C-alpha atoms as a PDB file:
ATOM      1  CA  MET A   1      -3.592  24.354   3.087  1.00  0.00           C
ATOM      2  CA  PRO A   2       0.111  23.315   4.199  1.00  0.00           C
ATOM      3  CA  ALA A   3       0.896  19.759   5.491  1.00  0.00           C
ATOM      4  CA  GLU A   4       3.284  19.053   8.131  1.00  0.00           C
ATOM      5  CA  PHE A   5       6.392  17.371   6.700  1.00  0.00           C
ATOM      6  CA  LYS A   6       7.106  13.579   7.056  1.00  0.00           C
ATOM      7  CA  ASP A   7      10.657  12.490   7.227  1.00  0.00           C
ATOM      8  CA  TYR A   8      10.275   8.922   5.749  1.00  0.00           C
ATOM      9  CA  TYR A   9      13.942   8.185   6.087  1.00  0.00           C
ATOM     10  CA  ALA A  10      13.648   8.750   9.728  1.00  0.00           C
ATOM     11  CA  THR A  11      10.473   6.684  10.120  1.00  0.00           C
ATOM     12  CA  LEU A  12      12.303   3.656   8.610  1.00  0.00           C
ATOM     13  CA  GLY A  13      15.467   4.510  10.553  1.00  0.00           C
ATOM     14  CA  VAL A  14      17.713   4.672   7.261  1.00  0.00           C
ATOM     15  CA  PRO A  15      20.016   7.120   5.710  1.00  0.00           C
ATOM     16  CA  ARG A  16      18.890   9.248   2.665  1.00  0.00           C
ATOM     17  CA  ASP A  17      21.246   7.370   0.374  1.00  0.00           C
ATOM     18  CA  ALA A  18      19.881   3.954   1.838  1.00  0.00           C
ATOM     19  CA  SER A  19      19.767   1.327  -0.963  1.00  0.00           C
ATOM     20  CA  ALA A  20      16.547  -0.402  -2.161  1.00  0.00           C
ATOM     21  CA  ASP A  21      17.574  -3.578  -0.321  1.00  0.00           C
ATOM     22  CA  ASP A  22      18.189  -1.506   2.818  1.00  0.00           C
ATOM     23  CA  ILE A  23      14.803  -0.029   2.705  1.00  0.00           C
ATOM     24  CA  LYS A  24      13.092  -3.366   2.330  1.00  0.00           C
ATOM     25  CA  LYS A  25      15.045  -4.846   5.385  1.00  0.00           C
ATOM     26  CA  ALA A  26      14.226  -1.856   7.455  1.00  0.00           C
ATOM     27  CA  PHE A  27      10.437  -1.950   6.545  1.00  0.00           C
ATOM     28  CA  ARG A  28      10.356  -5.792   7.239  1.00  0.00           C
ATOM     29  CA  LYS A  29      12.005  -5.407  10.639  1.00  0.00           C
ATOM     30  CA  LEU A  30       9.752  -2.519  11.827  1.00  0.00           C
ATOM     31  CA  ALA A  31       6.534  -4.189  10.439  1.00  0.00           C
ATOM     32  CA  ARG A  32       7.098  -7.437  12.160  1.00  0.00           C
ATOM     33  CA  LEU A  33       7.422  -5.362  15.383  1.00  0.00           C
ATOM     34  CA  TYR A  34       4.328  -3.287  14.789  1.00  0.00           C
ATOM     35  CA  HIS A  35       1.960  -5.388  12.861  1.00  0.00           C
ATOM     36  CA  PRO A  36      -1.441  -4.999  14.562  1.00  0.00           C
ATOM     37  CA  ASP A  37      -1.909  -8.836  14.492  1.00  0.00           C
ATOM     38  CA  THR A  38       1.178  -9.522  16.851  1.00  0.00           C
ATOM     39  CA  ALA A  39       1.553  -6.351  18.774  1.00  0.00           C
ATOM     40  CA  LYS A  40       0.550  -6.145  22.474  1.00  0.00           C
ATOM     41  CA  ASP A  41      -0.470  -2.669  22.199  1.00  0.00           C
ATOM     42  CA  LYS A  42      -2.552  -2.844  19.247  1.00  0.00           C
ATOM     43  CA  LYS A  43      -3.679   0.908  19.147  1.00  0.00           C
ATOM     44  CA  THR A  44      -0.307   2.193  19.339  1.00  0.00           C
ATOM     45  CA  ALA A  45       0.968  -0.482  16.951  1.00  0.00           C
ATOM     46  CA  GLU A  46      -1.856   0.352  14.349  1.00  0.00           C
ATOM     47  CA  ALA A  47      -0.823   4.007  14.093  1.00  0.00           C
ATOM     48  CA  LYS A  48       2.826   3.286  13.894  1.00  0.00           C
ATOM     49  CA  PHE A  49       2.319   0.484  11.390  1.00  0.00           C
ATOM     50  CA  LYS A  50       0.430   3.043   9.102  1.00  0.00           C
ATOM     51  CA  GLU A  51       3.392   5.507   9.347  1.00  0.00           C
ATOM     52  CA  ILE A  52       5.792   2.711   8.389  1.00  0.00           C
ATOM     53  CA  ASN A  53       3.564   1.528   5.536  1.00  0.00           C
ATOM     54  CA  GLU A  54       3.248   5.292   4.239  1.00  0.00           C
ATOM     55  CA  ALA A  55       7.191   5.630   4.385  1.00  0.00           C
ATOM     56  CA  ASN A  56       7.730   2.385   2.522  1.00  0.00           C
ATOM     57  CA  GLU A  57       5.017   3.274   0.018  1.00  0.00           C
ATOM     58  CA  VAL A  58       6.988   6.278  -0.978  1.00  0.00           C
ATOM     59  CA  LEU A  59      10.684   5.116  -0.525  1.00  0.00           C
ATOM     60  CA  SER A  60      10.292   1.687  -2.201  1.00  0.00           C
ATOM     61  CA  ASP A  61       8.907   3.414  -5.329  1.00  0.00           C
ATOM     62  CA  PRO A  62      11.667   4.786  -7.293  1.00  0.00           C
ATOM     63  CA  ASP A  63       9.405   7.532  -8.938  1.00  0.00           C
ATOM     64  CA  LYS A  64       7.881   8.595  -5.503  1.00  0.00           C
ATOM     65  CA  ARG A  65      11.185   8.444  -3.965  1.00  0.00           C
ATOM     66  CA  LYS A  66      12.713  10.800  -6.620  1.00  0.00           C
ATOM     67  CA  LYS A  67       9.690  13.305  -6.268  1.00  0.00           C
ATOM     68  CA  TYR A  68      10.178  13.131  -2.410  1.00  0.00           C
ATOM     69  CA  ASP A  69      13.984  13.757  -2.528  1.00  0.00           C
ATOM     70  CA  THR A  70      13.497  16.783  -4.954  1.00  0.00           C
ATOM     71  CA  LEU A  71      10.804  18.463  -3.108  1.00  0.00           C
ATOM     72  CA  GLY A  72      12.755  21.366  -2.277  1.00  0.00           C
ATOM     73  CA  ALA A  73      15.658  22.786  -0.545  1.00  0.00           C
ATOM     74  CA  GLY A  74      13.634  23.351   2.746  1.00  0.00           C
ATOM     75  CA  TRP A  75      12.874  19.767   3.418  1.00  0.00           C
ATOM     76  CA  GLN A  76      15.188  19.784   6.313  1.00  0.00           C
ATOM     77  CA  ASP A  77      13.112  22.054   8.290  1.00  0.00           C
ATOM     78  CA  GLU A  78      10.448  19.753   8.695  1.00  0.00           C
ATOM     79  CA  GLY A  79       8.081  22.542   8.695  1.00  0.00           C
ATOM     80  CA  ASN A  80       4.977  23.238   6.904  1.00  0.00           C
ATOM     81  CA  PHE A  81       4.520  22.899   3.186  1.00  0.00           C
ATOM     82  CA  GLN A  82       2.388  24.355   0.620  1.00  0.00           C
ATOM     83  CA  PRO A  83       0.955  22.006  -1.617  1.00  0.00           C
ATOM     84  CA  PRO A  84       2.048  21.983  -5.281  1.00  0.00           C
ATOM     85  CA  PRO A  85      -0.354  23.707  -7.671  1.00  0.00           C
ATOM     86  CA  SER A  86      -3.583  21.665  -8.738  1.00  0.00           C
ATOM     87  CA  GLY A  87      -3.384  20.287 -12.223  1.00  0.00           C
ATOM     88  CA  ALA A  88      -7.035  21.447 -12.774  1.00  0.00           C
ATOM     89  CA  GLY A  89      -7.027  25.046 -13.939  1.00  0.00           C
ATOM     90  CA  GLY A  90      -9.041  27.414 -11.778  1.00  0.00           C
ATOM     91  CA  ASN A  91      -9.343  24.959  -8.798  1.00  0.00           C
ATOM     92  CA  GLU A  92     -10.413  26.946  -5.818  1.00  0.00           C
ATOM     93  CA  GLN A  93     -10.981  24.154  -3.609  1.00  0.00           C
ATOM     94  CA  GLU A  94      -8.862  21.322  -2.111  1.00  0.00           C
ATOM     95  CA  PHE A  95      -9.574  18.161  -0.466  1.00  0.00           C
ATOM     96  CA  HIS A  96      -8.327  16.540   2.607  1.00  0.00           C
ATOM     97  CA  PHE A  97      -9.414  12.861   3.550  1.00  0.00           C
ATOM     98  CA  GLY A  98      -9.365  11.450   6.940  1.00  0.00           C
ATOM     99  CA  GLY A  99      -9.602   7.630   7.630  1.00  0.00           C
ATOM    100  CA  THR A 100      -7.939   6.661   4.472  1.00  0.00           C
ATOM    101  CA  GLY A 101      -4.788   5.454   6.652  1.00  0.00           C
ATOM    102  CA  PHE A 102      -2.565   8.158   4.754  1.00  0.00           C
ATOM    103  CA  SER A 103      -1.410  11.474   6.320  1.00  0.00           C
ATOM    104  CA  ASP A 104      -2.128  14.905   4.742  1.00  0.00           C
ATOM    105  CA  PHE A 105       1.406  15.087   3.440  1.00  0.00           C
ATOM    106  CA  PHE A 106       1.144  11.893   1.563  1.00  0.00           C
ATOM    107  CA  GLU A 107      -2.356  13.015   0.113  1.00  0.00           C
ATOM    108  CA  GLN A 108      -1.156  16.206  -1.058  1.00  0.00           C
ATOM    109  CA  TYR A 109       2.356  14.935  -2.658  1.00  0.00           C
ATOM    110  CA  PHE A 110       1.747  11.088  -3.528  1.00  0.00           C
ATOM    111  CA  SER A 111      -2.015  10.385  -3.674  1.00  0.00           C
ATOM    112  CA  GLY A 112      -4.678  10.895  -6.270  1.00  0.00           C
ATOM    113  CA  GLY A 113      -6.127  13.669  -4.171  1.00  0.00           C
ATOM    114  CA  SER A 114      -7.543  15.123  -7.586  1.00  0.00           C
ATOM    115  CA  ARG A 115     -10.802  16.449  -9.285  1.00  0.00           C
ATOM    116  CA  TYR A 116     -11.835  15.301 -12.656  1.00  0.00           C
ATOM    117  CA  GLY A 117     -13.039  17.809 -15.260  1.00  0.00           C
ATOM    118  CA  PHE A 118     -16.674  18.872 -15.671  1.00  0.00           C
ATOM    119  CA  PRO A 119     -18.788  16.063 -17.304  1.00  0.00           C
ATOM    120  CA  GLN A 120     -19.853  17.050 -20.797  1.00  0.00           C
ATOM    121  CA  GLY A 121     -23.290  18.673 -21.030  1.00  0.00           C
ATOM    122  CA  PHE A 122     -22.576  20.873 -17.865  1.00  0.00           C
ATOM    123  CA  GLU A 123     -20.697  23.853 -19.274  1.00  0.00           C
ATOM    124  CA  GLU A 124     -21.852  27.440 -18.490  1.00  0.00           C
ATOM    125  CA  ASP A 125     -23.896  29.266 -21.007  1.00  0.00           C
ATOM    126  CA  ALA A 126     -23.600  32.853 -21.998  1.00  0.00           C
ATOM    127  CA  PRO A 127     -27.007  34.028 -22.951  1.00  0.00           C
ATOM    128  CA  ALA A 128     -27.870  36.961 -25.166  1.00  0.00           C
ATOM    129  CA  GLY A 129     -26.942  40.501 -23.601  1.00  0.00           C
ATOM    130  CA  GLY A 130     -23.730  39.080 -22.474  1.00  0.00           C
ATOM    131  CA  ALA A 131     -24.849  38.209 -18.858  1.00  0.00           C
ATOM    132  CA  ARG A 132     -23.476  34.751 -17.685  1.00  0.00           C
ATOM    133  CA  LYS A 133     -25.876  32.453 -16.154  1.00  0.00           C
ATOM    134  CA  GLY A 134     -24.566  29.094 -14.975  1.00  0.00           C
ATOM    135  CA  ARG A 135     -27.054  26.175 -15.684  1.00  0.00           C
ATOM    136  CA  ALA A 136     -26.959  23.129 -13.300  1.00  0.00           C
ATOM    137  CA  ARG A 137     -23.502  21.476 -13.135  1.00  0.00           C
ATOM    138  CA  LYS A 138     -22.633  18.156 -11.624  1.00  0.00           C
ATOM    139  CA  GLY A 139     -19.891  18.502  -9.191  1.00  0.00           C
ATOM    140  CA  HIS A 140     -16.443  17.047  -9.754  1.00  0.00           C
ATOM    141  CA  ASP A 141     -15.605  13.560  -9.014  1.00  0.00           C
ATOM    142  CA  ILE A 142     -12.579  13.233  -6.552  1.00  0.00           C
ATOM    143  CA  GLU A 143     -10.189  10.390  -6.223  1.00  0.00           C
ATOM    144  CA  GLY A 144      -7.923   9.464  -3.404  1.00  0.00           C
ATOM    145  CA  ASP A 145      -6.067   6.459  -1.954  1.00  0.00           C
ATOM    146  CA  ILE A 146      -7.101   4.241   0.887  1.00  0.00           C
ATOM    147  CA  LEU A 147      -4.750   2.079   2.857  1.00  0.00           C
ATOM    148  CA  VAL A 148      -6.165  -1.550   3.178  1.00  0.00           C
ATOM    149  CA  THR A 149      -4.538  -4.221   5.175  1.00  0.00           C
ATOM    150  CA  LEU A 150      -4.462  -7.652   3.733  1.00  0.00           C
ATOM    151  CA  ALA A 151      -6.734  -8.859   6.697  1.00  0.00           C
ATOM    152  CA  GLU A 152      -9.229  -6.412   5.447  1.00  0.00           C
ATOM    153  CA  ALA A 153      -8.586  -7.318   1.764  1.00  0.00           C
ATOM    154  CA  MET A 154      -9.158 -11.030   2.878  1.00  0.00           C
ATOM    155  CA  HIS A 155     -12.452 -10.475   5.015  1.00  0.00           C
ATOM    156  CA  GLY A 156     -13.816  -7.088   3.839  1.00  0.00           C
ATOM    157  CA  THR A 157     -14.639  -4.283   6.242  1.00  0.00           C
ATOM    158  CA  GLN A 158     -16.395  -1.013   6.997  1.00  0.00           C
ATOM    159  CA  ARG A 159     -14.184   2.168   7.047  1.00  0.00           C
ATOM    160  CA  PRO A 160     -15.323   5.522   8.481  1.00  0.00           C
ATOM    161  CA  ILE A 161     -14.108   8.306   5.921  1.00  0.00           C
ATOM    162  CA  SER A 162     -14.227  11.991   6.356  1.00  0.00           C
ATOM    163  CA  LEU A 163     -13.866  14.469   3.564  1.00  0.00           C
ATOM    164  CA  GLN A 164     -12.978  18.077   4.233  1.00  0.00           C
ATOM    165  CA  THR A 165     -13.542  20.707   1.525  1.00  0.00           C
ATOM    166  CA  VAL A 166     -11.441  23.888   1.622  1.00  0.00           C
ATOM    167  CA  ASN A 167     -12.249  27.072  -0.356  1.00  0.00           C
ATOM    168  CA  ARG A 168      -8.882  28.616  -1.074  1.00  0.00           C
ATOM    169  CA  GLN A 169     -10.401  32.080  -1.675  1.00  0.00           C
ATOM    170  CA  THR A 170     -12.706  32.339   1.324  1.00  0.00           C
ATOM    171  CA  GLY A 171     -11.004  29.936   3.839  1.00  0.00           C
ATOM    172  CA  GLY A 172     -14.235  28.134   4.236  1.00  0.00           C
ATOM    173  CA  VAL A 173     -14.297  24.676   5.344  1.00  0.00           C
ATOM    174  CA  GLN A 174     -16.767  22.003   4.901  1.00  0.00           C
ATOM    175  CA  THR A 175     -16.579  18.344   6.460  1.00  0.00           C
ATOM    176  CA  HIS A 176     -18.807  15.530   5.909  1.00  0.00           C
ATOM    177  CA  SER A 177     -18.407  11.839   7.198  1.00  0.00           C
ATOM    178  CA  PHE A 178     -19.729   8.582   5.795  1.00  0.00           C
ATOM    179  CA  GLU A 179     -18.958   4.685   5.796  1.00  0.00           C
ATOM    180  CA  VAL A 180     -17.092   3.090   2.871  1.00  0.00           C
ATOM    181  CA  ARG A 181     -17.353  -0.658   2.445  1.00  0.00           C
ATOM    182  CA  ILE A 182     -14.248  -2.505   1.453  1.00  0.00           C
ATOM    183  CA  PRO A 183     -15.537  -5.773  -0.126  1.00  0.00           C
ATOM    184  CA  PRO A 184     -13.648  -9.031   0.460  1.00  0.00           C
ATOM    185  CA  GLY A 185     -11.161  -9.548  -2.289  1.00  0.00           C
ATOM    186  CA  ALA A 186     -10.408  -5.909  -2.785  1.00  0.00           C
ATOM    187  CA  THR A 187      -7.051  -6.133  -4.862  1.00  0.00           C
ATOM    188  CA  ASP A 188      -4.493  -3.510  -5.143  1.00  0.00           C
ATOM    189  CA  GLY A 189      -5.075  -0.615  -7.468  1.00  0.00           C
ATOM    190  CA  ARG A 190      -9.107  -1.225  -7.518  1.00  0.00           C
ATOM    191  CA  ARG A 191     -11.171   1.740  -7.461  1.00  0.00           C
ATOM    192  CA  ILE A 192     -14.080   1.691  -5.102  1.00  0.00           C
ATOM    193  CA  ARG A 193     -16.894   4.187  -6.034  1.00  0.00           C
ATOM    194  CA  VAL A 194     -18.745   6.204  -3.313  1.00  0.00           C
ATOM    195  CA  PRO A 195     -21.772   7.743  -5.138  1.00  0.00           C
ATOM    196  CA  GLY A 196     -22.684  11.336  -4.386  1.00  0.00           C
ATOM    197  CA  GLN A 197     -19.711  11.938  -2.007  1.00  0.00           C
ATOM    198  CA  GLY A 198     -17.532  14.040  -4.284  1.00  0.00           C
ATOM    199  CA  GLU A 199     -17.876  17.806  -4.831  1.00  0.00           C
ATOM    200  CA  PRO A 200     -21.308  19.317  -4.372  1.00  0.00           C
ATOM    201  CA  GLY A 201     -23.220  20.233  -7.518  1.00  0.00           C
ATOM    202  CA  HIS A 202     -23.482  23.878  -8.789  1.00  0.00           C
ATOM    203  CA  ASN A 203     -26.641  25.579  -9.409  1.00  0.00           C
ATOM    204  CA  GLY A 204     -28.718  22.550  -8.334  1.00  0.00           C
ATOM    205  CA  GLY A 205     -26.547  19.962 -10.050  1.00  0.00           C
ATOM    206  CA  GLU A 206     -26.117  16.809  -8.554  1.00  0.00           C
ATOM    207  CA  ALA A 207     -23.022  15.908  -6.416  1.00  0.00           C
ATOM    208  CA  GLY A 208     -20.013  14.338  -7.832  1.00  0.00           C
ATOM    209  CA  ASP A 209     -18.734  10.838  -6.868  1.00  0.00           C
ATOM    210  CA  LEU A 210     -15.503   9.784  -4.789  1.00  0.00           C
ATOM    211  CA  TYR A 211     -13.199   7.172  -6.005  1.00  0.00           C
ATOM    212  CA  LEU A 212     -10.810   5.420  -3.610  1.00  0.00           C
ATOM    213  CA  ARG A 213      -8.128   3.571  -4.944  1.00  0.00           C
ATOM    214  CA  VAL A 214      -7.444   0.515  -2.823  1.00  0.00           C
ATOM    215  CA  ARG A 215      -3.374   0.304  -1.718  1.00  0.00           C
ATOM    216  CA  HIS A 216      -2.686  -2.714   0.160  1.00  0.00           C
ATOM    217  CA  ALA A 217      -0.666  -2.102   3.246  1.00  0.00           C
ATOM    218  CA  ALA A 218       2.691  -3.588   2.882  1.00  0.00           C
ATOM    219  CA  HIS A 219       2.966  -6.847   4.973  1.00  0.00           C
ATOM    220  CA  PRO A 220       6.077  -8.372   6.421  1.00  0.00           C
ATOM    221  CA  GLU A 221       5.251 -11.734   5.205  1.00  0.00           C
ATOM    222  CA  PHE A 222       3.092 -11.536   2.094  1.00  0.00           C
ATOM    223  CA  THR A 223       2.757  -9.675  -1.122  1.00  0.00           C
ATOM    224  CA  THR A 224      -0.156  -9.614  -3.507  1.00  0.00           C
ATOM    225  CA  GLN A 225      -0.643  -9.998  -7.265  1.00  0.00           C
ATOM    226  CA  GLU A 226      -4.295  -9.558  -8.119  1.00  0.00           C
ATOM    227  CA  ALA A 227      -5.978 -12.400  -5.975  1.00  0.00           C
ATOM    228  CA  ASP A 228      -2.758 -14.352  -5.452  1.00  0.00           C
ATOM    229  CA  LEU A 229      -0.632 -14.276  -2.340  1.00  0.00           C
ATOM    230  CA  HIS A 230       3.198 -14.661  -2.574  1.00  0.00           C
ATOM    231  CA  HIS A 231       5.408 -15.476   0.457  1.00  0.00           C
ATOM    232  CA  GLU A 232       9.142 -16.060   0.653  1.00  0.00           C
ATOM    233  CA  PHE A 233      10.155 -19.156   2.705  1.00  0.00           C
ATOM    234  CA  ASP A 234      13.726 -19.846   4.067  1.00  0.00           C
ATOM    235  CA  LEU A 235      15.074 -23.351   3.622  1.00  0.00           C
ATOM    236  CA  ALA A 236      18.157 -25.000   5.222  1.00  0.00           C
ATOM    237  CA  PRO A 237      20.335 -26.530   2.489  1.00  0.00           C
ATOM    238  CA  TRP A 238      19.707 -30.119   3.766  1.00  0.00           C
ATOM    239  CA  GLU A 239      15.956 -29.358   3.421  1.00  0.00           C
ATOM    240  CA  ALA A 240      16.184 -28.427  -0.146  1.00  0.00           C
ATOM    241  CA  VAL A 241      18.374 -31.359  -0.985  1.00  0.00           C
ATOM    242  CA  LEU A 242      16.449 -34.167   0.890  1.00  0.00           C
ATOM    243  CA  GLY A 243      12.971 -32.483   0.994  1.00  0.00           C
ATOM    244  CA  ALA A 244      10.921 -31.880   4.239  1.00  0.00           C
ATOM    245  CA  GLU A 245       7.488 -31.024   5.614  1.00  0.00           C
ATOM    246  CA  VAL A 246       7.388 -27.684   7.106  1.00  0.00           C
ATOM    247  CA  ILE A 247       4.760 -25.241   8.437  1.00  0.00           C
ATOM    248  CA  VAL A 248       4.037 -22.121   6.479  1.00  0.00           C
ATOM    249  CA  PRO A 249       1.864 -19.090   7.424  1.00  0.00           C
ATOM    250  CA  THR A 250      -1.044 -17.962   5.508  1.00  0.00           C
ATOM    251  CA  LEU A 251      -3.793 -15.179   6.090  1.00  0.00           C
ATOM    252  CA  ASP A 252      -5.870 -17.495   7.312  1.00  0.00           C
ATOM    253  CA  GLY A 253      -3.953 -19.987   9.433  1.00  0.00           C
ATOM    254  CA  SER A 254      -0.797 -22.170   8.959  1.00  0.00           C
ATOM    255  CA  ILE A 255      -0.534 -24.943   6.642  1.00  0.00           C
ATOM    256  CA  LYS A 256       1.628 -28.010   6.431  1.00  0.00           C
ATOM    257  CA  LEU A 257       3.592 -28.006   3.140  1.00  0.00           C
ATOM    258  CA  ARG A 258       5.737 -30.633   1.723  1.00  0.00           C
ATOM    259  CA  ILE A 259       9.198 -29.429   0.258  1.00  0.00           C
ATOM    260  CA  PRO A 260      10.083 -31.908  -2.507  1.00  0.00           C
ATOM    261  CA  ALA A 261      13.674 -33.231  -2.692  1.00  0.00           C
ATOM    262  CA  HIS A 262      16.169 -31.393  -4.829  1.00  0.00           C
ATOM    263  CA  SER A 263      14.164 -28.214  -4.640  1.00  0.00           C
ATOM    264  CA  GLU A 264      16.108 -25.216  -6.132  1.00  0.00           C
ATOM    265  CA  ASN A 265      16.577 -21.591  -4.886  1.00  0.00           C
ATOM    266  CA  ASP A 266      13.640 -19.219  -6.066  1.00  0.00           C
ATOM    267  CA  GLN A 267      11.650 -22.137  -6.948  1.00  0.00           C
ATOM    268  CA  SER A 268       7.691 -21.472  -6.215  1.00  0.00           C
ATOM    269  CA  LEU A 269       5.466 -23.930  -4.826  1.00  0.00           C
ATOM    270  CA  ARG A 270       1.580 -23.238  -5.418  1.00  0.00           C
ATOM    271  CA  VAL A 271      -1.014 -24.003  -3.134  1.00  0.00           C
ATOM    272  CA  ARG A 272      -4.501 -23.662  -4.865  1.00  0.00           C
ATOM    273  CA  GLY A 273      -7.203 -21.483  -3.258  1.00  0.00           C
ATOM    274  CA  ARG A 274      -5.329 -20.035  -0.485  1.00  0.00           C
ATOM    275  CA  GLY A 275      -5.167 -16.426  -1.845  1.00  0.00           C
ATOM    276  CA  LEU A 276      -7.663 -13.551  -1.751  1.00  0.00           C
ATOM    277  CA  PRO A 277     -11.384 -14.073  -2.499  1.00  0.00           C
ATOM    278  CA  LYS A 278     -12.416 -13.440  -6.242  1.00  0.00           C
ATOM    279  CA  GLY A 279     -15.623 -11.448  -6.199  1.00  0.00           C
ATOM    280  CA  LYS A 280     -18.776 -13.105  -5.081  1.00  0.00           C
ATOM    281  CA  SER A 281     -18.208 -16.385  -6.834  1.00  0.00           C
ATOM    282  CA  GLY A 282     -16.492 -17.945  -3.692  1.00  0.00           C
ATOM    283  CA  GLU A 283     -13.381 -18.640  -5.610  1.00  0.00           C
ATOM    284  CA  ARG A 284     -10.126 -17.737  -4.209  1.00  0.00           C
ATOM    285  CA  GLY A 285      -6.703 -16.861  -5.772  1.00  0.00           C
ATOM    286  CA  ASP A 286      -3.606 -19.011  -5.249  1.00  0.00           C
ATOM    287  CA  PHE A 287      -0.821 -19.030  -2.640  1.00  0.00           C
ATOM    288  CA  PHE A 288       2.862 -18.925  -3.828  1.00  0.00           C
ATOM    289  CA  VAL A 289       5.656 -20.131  -1.620  1.00  0.00           C
ATOM    290  CA  LYS A 290       9.022 -19.005  -3.097  1.00  0.00           C
ATOM    291  CA  LEU A 291      11.942 -21.021  -1.487  1.00  0.00           C
ATOM    292  CA  GLN A 292      15.049 -19.322  -0.423  1.00  0.00           C
ATOM    293  CA  ILE A 293      18.073 -21.336   0.467  1.00  0.00           C
ATOM    294  CA  VAL A 294      19.642 -19.648   3.356  1.00  0.00           C
ATOM    295  CA  LEU A 295      23.368 -20.661   4.543  1.00  0.00           C
ATOM    296  CA  PRO A 296      24.349 -20.313   8.092  1.00  0.00           C
ATOM    297  CA  ASP A 297      26.397 -17.074   9.325  1.00  0.00           C
ATOM    298  CA  LYS A 298      28.393 -19.268  11.825  1.00  0.00           C
ATOM    299  CA  ILE A 299      29.279 -22.852  12.263  1.00  0.00           C
ATOM    300  CA  SER A 300      30.592 -24.802  15.112  1.00  0.00           C
ATOM    301  CA  ASP A 301      33.707 -26.907  15.036  1.00  0.00           C
ATOM    302  CA  ALA A 302      31.630 -29.985  14.885  1.00  0.00           C
ATOM    303  CA  GLU A 303      29.562 -28.537  12.152  1.00  0.00           C
ATOM    304  CA  ARG A 304      32.483 -27.678  10.109  1.00  0.00           C
ATOM    305  CA  THR A 305      33.712 -31.307  10.489  1.00  0.00           C
ATOM    306  CA  LEU A 306      30.304 -32.586   8.920  1.00  0.00           C
ATOM    307  CA  TRP A 307      30.501 -30.011   6.202  1.00  0.00           C
ATOM    308  CA  GLU A 308      34.149 -31.347   5.375  1.00  0.00           C
ATOM    309  CA  GLN A 309      32.990 -34.836   5.363  1.00  0.00           C
ATOM    310  CA  LEU A 310      30.114 -34.044   3.021  1.00  0.00           C
ATOM    311  CA  ARG A 311      32.611 -32.241   0.626  1.00  0.00           C
ATOM    312  CA  SER A 312      34.828 -35.278   0.627  1.00  0.00           C
ATOM    313  CA  ALA A 313      32.021 -37.895   0.240  1.00  0.00           C
ATOM    314  CA  SER A 314      29.819 -35.956  -2.375  1.00  0.00           C
ATOM    315  CA  THR A 315      29.897 -36.682  -5.954  1.00  0.00           C
ATOM    316  CA  PHE A 316      28.214 -33.595  -6.844  1.00  0.00           C
ATOM    317  CA  HIS A 317      30.130 -31.003  -9.079  1.00  0.00           C
ATOM    318  CA  PRO A 318      28.167 -27.783  -9.540  1.00  0.00           C
ATOM    319  CA  ARG A 319      30.718 -26.508 -12.232  1.00  0.00           C
ATOM    320  CA  ALA A 320      30.922 -29.741 -14.328  1.00  0.00           C
END
């Protein structure tokens, strides 16, 4: 079944030759604008935020971006695309997910969206006389991606999911819906098993399982590494030199953080226990604040005078 083409460059508002830094800046600007936590129209913002995340998921990954750029000469048509051949030989079925946060286009080209091979012990027999009689076979397991916001990863949630199975030969379509529990602390890349929601069994065999691979929705302020949260925080030069007390956002409220004197650019400060939950133990990962010393774009005449006075009075020699 063909999928509607998604122009990810247009979604982020960048040219096709945009640098990785341009893509990062464009995403962060749009993500701040449409993040559901801060937008006024949350329903519209949520849909837009998913589109932005999907575009960033592909264009910020060099391998996925290369694949996207080489889909074919007809990408400009923005028409319908026939999905690439399945890696499983003889696969007569294709699968489409609903509720995962990703479009059909992403599912077909950049997601798992795949079946696994038959489990051992479920091969077909060829009895005496040459007539083939299939014995009970378990259905294939299916794997796909699910987009999870950091708020969902922090607190856990229930997500309604639909799975559509299309028979490529007959055109028949079967759809079933179910709930998937995203546990608190679901880390990026974690696979969530949904028993019995894979491909139906054959000749009385049991159904396969569905595996949904967690993909953290990119956040304008935070990134994750396992259960740890990371945040980049801008500092004025004098704050780095003299030290300061600043207010820093976290996923569960702002905190006051002391910036020590003589802090350096790219230095990380660690706040224990303010990351994502770690399973059922009640423990949490840590929160890392990476300091970014920012220089002013413009200065007034009065400010220039002060900088010049500092230059004259300072005993600091950076190249000594």
